[in-house]
Amino acid sequence: MNDIHLGEMINYYRKQNGWTMKQLGEKMGKTESAISLWISNKRSPMVDDLDKLSKLFGVSPETLMFGDTNTSIIDKTVKTLQKLEVPRQEKVLEFAETHLKEQKEEEKRASKIVPFKKKRLSDEELWDVVEHGVANDGTEQTDYEKQFFFNLLREHLDNDDEYED
C-alpha cells in the first residue's frame, strides 16, 4: 500500500482546482477549519463527505484515499476508449496501428546500425547504410548525395585500421 494520506490528496486536488481551503469548505458546506483538519490528517471526512469530495474533484473515492493506483497508460486509454462511440473507437485503433507500424519500421532501421569501427563493411553493407540516410532537411537523399556519402565513407573506412576483424 502507498504512503499517501487522505489529507495530502485532498490538499493536492484542492490546489489543482485553484481553491482555497475556505472555498472548498463553502462547496462542501464545511468550515475552513474542518477542511484544515482533514488536510492535516487530524480528522477524517465522513463517508458522505468523502463521496462529495470525490465528485467535486472528479476522481474516485479510492483515488482520493490511496492516490492514483491506476496509473498505467494502457488502463487509462482503455477507460477512455470505452467511453467513445464505435466509429471513434475505430479511429483510435487505426491511429494506434499506424503508429505501431511506424515504430516497427524505426526499430528495423535502428537494428541495421553498425558501428563503423567495429566491423569492416562490404560495399553492399555500406550502401545499405547510406541508402537509408536522410538529407539535412529530413527529405530523402538524392542519388548524387548517396553516391557522394558512400565514396566519402568508403575512403575514410579504407584508411582506418581500427577494425575488430
Foldseek 3Di string as FASTA:
>chain_A
DDPDALLCLLVVLCVVVPHQLCRVCVQLVHHSVVNVCCNVVVDPDDPVSLCSSCVVSVHDSCCSGPNCPPPDPVVVVVVVLVPDDPVVNVVVVVVVVVVVVVVVVVVVLVVLDDPLLAAPDDLVSLLVVLQPDDDPVRHGDDPVSSVVVSVVVVVVSVPDDRYDD
